[in-house]
């Protein structure tokens, strides 16, 4: 009798928890949709406010959009620090697009080359073409870190595999600077490479 009462209480508790979580997710989805409608109408200030509210609840897509809006100045003055904050929040959840933007913001102005390479690599590991391309070019140019022609060829080749004349032409130009042995090593790495799902930084990388 006592056991049945305990099971019944536990069942009611779990049902309540599930109901709260479900309602919370539905509410968040509705808020996201409302923010997207405002964005599509180019009501950027309204969209930013609504997306931020969803982003603060941990939604990675909202965090990515808020980061982009701060990066390019939609509905708000451009603010690279705020952009980095929101990109990092989404990137830490494995969002490949956020990892790309975060890596690019660290790398291109040479704000923090090591940090930039870390995030670009996580995005590239998820088969994100632009991250693969930028990572390959970074290794090819070798500014502020070790030049690595094999890594450059590998990532540029992976980016070109997605298609696109630009990526393929850049690979061709890069290969003019490489030896046949370097190209062969990179091809072997490409053949063994497999994309990862929602790659996130390890505790060692943080």
Protein backbone atom coordinates (compact mmCIF):
# COMPACT_ATOMS: atom_id res chain seq x y z
CA UNK A 1 0.00 0.00 0.00
CA UNK A 2 2.77 2.40 1.02
CA UNK A 3 4.77 1.46 -2.09
CA UNK A 4 1.77 2.20 -4.33
CA UNK A 5 1.34 5.56 -2.66
CA UNK A 6 5.04 6.38 -3.24
CA UNK A 7 4.81 5.30 -6.89
CA UNK A 8 1.68 7.39 -7.37
CA UNK A 9 3.36 10.46 -5.83
CA UNK A 10 6.46 9.95 -7.96
CA UNK A 11 4.34 9.59 -11.08
CA UNK A 12 2.48 12.82 -10.32
CA UNK A 13 5.77 14.62 -9.68
CA UNK A 14 7.28 13.45 -12.97
CA UNK A 15 4.12 14.42 -14.84
CA UNK A 16 4.28 17.92 -13.34
CA UNK A 17 7.97 18.28 -14.24
CA UNK A 18 7.31 17.09 -17.80
CA UNK A 19 4.37 19.50 -18.16
CA UNK A 20 6.43 22.46 -16.96
CA UNK A 21 9.28 21.61 -19.33
CA UNK A 22 6.92 21.14 -22.26
CA UNK A 23 5.15 24.43 -21.63
CA UNK A 24 8.49 26.19 -21.27
CA UNK A 25 9.71 24.81 -24.61
CA UNK A 26 6.46 25.77 -26.36
CA UNK A 27 6.65 29.28 -24.93
CA UNK A 28 10.28 29.63 -26.05
CA UNK A 29 9.38 28.45 -29.57
CA UNK A 30 6.55 30.98 -29.76
CA UNK A 31 8.87 33.77 -28.56
CA UNK A 32 11.47 32.76 -31.18
CA UNK A 33 8.83 32.78 -33.94
CA UNK A 34 7.64 36.22 -32.81
CA UNK A 35 11.22 37.54 -32.91
CA UNK A 36 11.75 36.05 -36.38
CA UNK A 37 8.58 37.73 -37.70
CA UNK A 38 9.82 41.08 -36.40
CA UNK A 39 13.23 40.45 -37.99
CA UNK A 40 11.68 39.59 -41.37
CA UNK A 41 9.70 42.85 -41.20
CA UNK A 42 13.06 44.61 -40.57
CA UNK A 43 11.87 45.71 -37.14
CA UNK A 44 15.38 45.01 -35.88
CA UNK A 45 15.18 46.74 -32.50
CA UNK A 46 12.08 44.73 -31.58
CA UNK A 47 13.61 41.55 -32.96
CA UNK A 48 16.81 42.06 -30.98
CA UNK A 49 14.89 42.51 -27.73
CA UNK A 50 12.82 39.38 -28.34
CA UNK A 51 15.72 37.25 -29.58
CA UNK A 52 17.80 38.32 -26.56
CA UNK A 53 15.07 37.15 -24.18
CA UNK A 54 15.11 33.71 -25.85
CA UNK A 55 18.92 33.67 -26.02
CA UNK A 56 19.13 34.28 -22.29
CA UNK A 57 17.18 31.04 -21.81
CA UNK A 58 19.97 29.15 -23.58
CA UNK A 59 18.57 28.81 -27.11
CA UNK A 60 21.63 28.49 -29.38
CA UNK A 61 19.88 29.69 -32.56
CA UNK A 62 18.71 32.85 -30.80
CA UNK A 63 22.22 33.34 -29.38
CA UNK A 64 23.66 33.01 -32.90
CA UNK A 65 21.23 35.59 -34.31
CA UNK A 66 21.84 38.05 -31.46
CA UNK A 67 25.58 37.68 -32.07
CA UNK A 68 25.13 38.45 -35.79
CA UNK A 69 22.97 41.48 -35.03
CA UNK A 70 25.63 42.94 -32.74
CA UNK A 71 28.34 42.07 -35.26
CA UNK A 72 26.73 43.92 -38.18
CA UNK A 73 24.73 46.50 -36.22
CA UNK A 74 21.09 45.56 -36.77
CA UNK A 75 18.77 47.28 -34.30
CA UNK A 76 21.80 48.29 -32.24
CA UNK A 77 25.23 49.85 -32.61
CA UNK A 78 27.93 47.44 -33.72
CA UNK A 79 29.53 45.87 -30.66
CA UNK A 80 32.18 43.22 -31.20
CA UNK A 81 32.38 42.34 -27.50
CA UNK A 82 28.64 41.63 -27.31
CA UNK A 83 28.86 39.70 -30.59
CA UNK A 84 31.67 37.55 -29.19
CA UNK A 85 29.72 36.99 -25.96
CA UNK A 86 26.68 35.60 -27.79
CA UNK A 87 28.64 33.68 -30.41
CA UNK A 88 30.61 32.04 -27.61
CA UNK A 89 27.39 31.05 -25.82
CA UNK A 90 26.10 29.27 -28.95
CA UNK A 91 29.54 27.96 -29.94
CA UNK A 92 29.92 26.31 -26.53
CA UNK A 93 26.80 24.28 -27.33
CA UNK A 94 28.38 23.00 -30.55
CA UNK A 95 26.77 25.42 -33.03
CA UNK A 96 29.04 25.28 -36.09
CA UNK A 97 27.95 28.66 -37.51
CA UNK A 98 28.61 30.41 -34.20
CA UNK A 99 32.00 28.70 -33.94
CA UNK A 100 32.87 29.97 -37.42
CA UNK A 101 31.89 33.57 -36.69
CA UNK A 102 33.65 33.48 -33.32
CA UNK A 103 36.81 32.03 -34.83
CA UNK A 104 36.79 34.59 -37.64
CA UNK A 105 36.32 37.49 -35.21
CA UNK A 106 39.31 36.32 -33.17
CA UNK A 107 41.50 35.47 -36.15
CA UNK A 108 40.97 38.07 -38.86
CA UNK A 109 41.75 41.18 -36.79
CA UNK A 110 44.44 39.08 -35.06
CA UNK A 111 42.66 39.65 -31.76
CA UNK A 112 43.66 36.18 -30.53
CA UNK A 113 45.08 33.81 -33.14
CA UNK A 114 45.15 30.73 -30.91
CA UNK A 115 41.54 31.24 -29.84
CA UNK A 116 40.52 31.89 -33.43
CA UNK A 117 42.09 28.67 -34.67
CA UNK A 118 40.45 26.69 -31.85
CA UNK A 119 36.93 27.75 -32.76
CA UNK A 120 37.49 27.52 -36.50
CA UNK A 121 38.77 23.96 -36.07
CA UNK A 122 35.65 22.97 -34.08
CA UNK A 123 33.43 24.39 -36.83
CA UNK A 124 35.51 22.83 -39.60
CA UNK A 125 35.32 19.48 -37.80
CA UNK A 126 31.56 19.67 -38.31
CA UNK A 127 32.08 20.01 -42.07
CA UNK A 128 31.35 23.74 -42.23
CA UNK A 129 32.74 24.82 -45.62
CA UNK A 130 33.67 28.43 -44.82
CA UNK A 131 35.40 27.37 -41.60
CA UNK A 132 37.38 24.75 -43.51
CA UNK A 133 38.38 27.35 -46.10
CA UNK A 134 39.40 30.01 -43.58
CA UNK A 135 41.31 27.46 -41.51
CA UNK A 136 43.14 26.24 -44.61
CA UNK A 137 44.07 29.80 -45.61
CA UNK A 138 45.26 30.50 -42.07
CA UNK A 139 47.64 27.52 -42.20
CA UNK A 140 48.73 28.52 -45.70
CA UNK A 141 49.60 32.09 -44.74
CA UNK A 142 51.09 31.05 -41.40
CA UNK A 143 50.91 34.46 -39.74
CA UNK A 144 51.61 34.47 -35.99
CA UNK A 145 51.66 30.66 -35.83
CA UNK A 146 53.41 27.76 -37.51
CA UNK A 147 52.96 27.53 -41.27
CA UNK A 148 51.64 24.07 -42.19
CA UNK A 149 51.20 23.30 -45.89
CA UNK A 150 49.79 19.82 -45.27
CA UNK A 151 47.07 21.13 -42.92
CA UNK A 152 46.38 23.96 -45.37
CA UNK A 153 45.93 21.56 -48.26
CA UNK A 154 43.75 19.22 -46.21
CA UNK A 155 41.26 21.89 -45.11
CA UNK A 156 41.19 23.67 -48.47
CA UNK A 157 40.55 20.34 -50.19
CA UNK A 158 37.70 19.55 -47.78
CA UNK A 159 36.18 22.98 -48.44
CA UNK A 160 36.49 22.52 -52.22
CA UNK A 161 34.78 19.13 -51.98
CA UNK A 162 31.54 20.95 -51.12
CA UNK A 163 31.62 22.57 -54.55
CA UNK A 164 31.85 26.18 -55.64
CA UNK A 165 34.23 27.64 -58.21
CA UNK A 166 35.80 30.03 -55.72
CA UNK A 167 36.84 27.30 -53.27
CA UNK A 168 38.17 25.09 -56.04
CA UNK A 169 40.17 27.91 -57.63
CA UNK A 170 41.69 28.84 -54.26
CA UNK A 171 42.73 25.22 -53.75
CA UNK A 172 44.40 25.23 -57.14
CA UNK A 173 46.29 28.43 -56.34
CA UNK A 174 47.40 27.05 -52.97
CA UNK A 175 48.70 23.82 -54.51
CA UNK A 176 51.12 25.83 -56.67
CA UNK A 177 52.98 26.57 -53.41
CA UNK A 178 53.13 22.92 -52.31
CA UNK A 179 55.25 19.90 -53.13
CA UNK A 180 53.75 16.67 -54.52
CA UNK A 181 54.61 14.97 -51.21
CA UNK A 182 52.71 17.59 -49.17
CA UNK A 183 49.67 17.21 -51.42
CA UNK A 184 49.83 13.41 -51.11
CA UNK A 185 50.01 13.62 -47.30
CA UNK A 186 47.01 15.95 -47.24
CA UNK A 187 45.00 13.68 -49.52
CA UNK A 188 45.63 10.80 -47.12
CA UNK A 189 44.36 12.93 -44.22
CA UNK A 190 41.25 13.87 -46.20
CA UNK A 191 40.55 10.21 -46.98
CA UNK A 192 40.69 9.34 -43.27
CA UNK A 193 38.76 12.42 -42.09
CA UNK A 194 35.23 12.12 -40.74
CA UNK A 195 32.96 14.98 -39.63
CA UNK A 196 31.97 15.34 -36.00
CA UNK A 197 28.55 16.20 -34.61
CA UNK A 198 28.18 19.30 -32.41
CA UNK A 199 31.92 19.51 -31.66
CA UNK A 200 32.61 21.40 -28.43
CA UNK A 201 35.87 22.49 -26.78
CA UNK A 202 37.36 20.05 -24.32
CA UNK A 203 38.28 21.12 -20.79
CA UNK A 204 41.91 21.11 -21.93
CA UNK A 205 41.15 23.62 -24.71
CA UNK A 206 39.30 26.07 -22.46
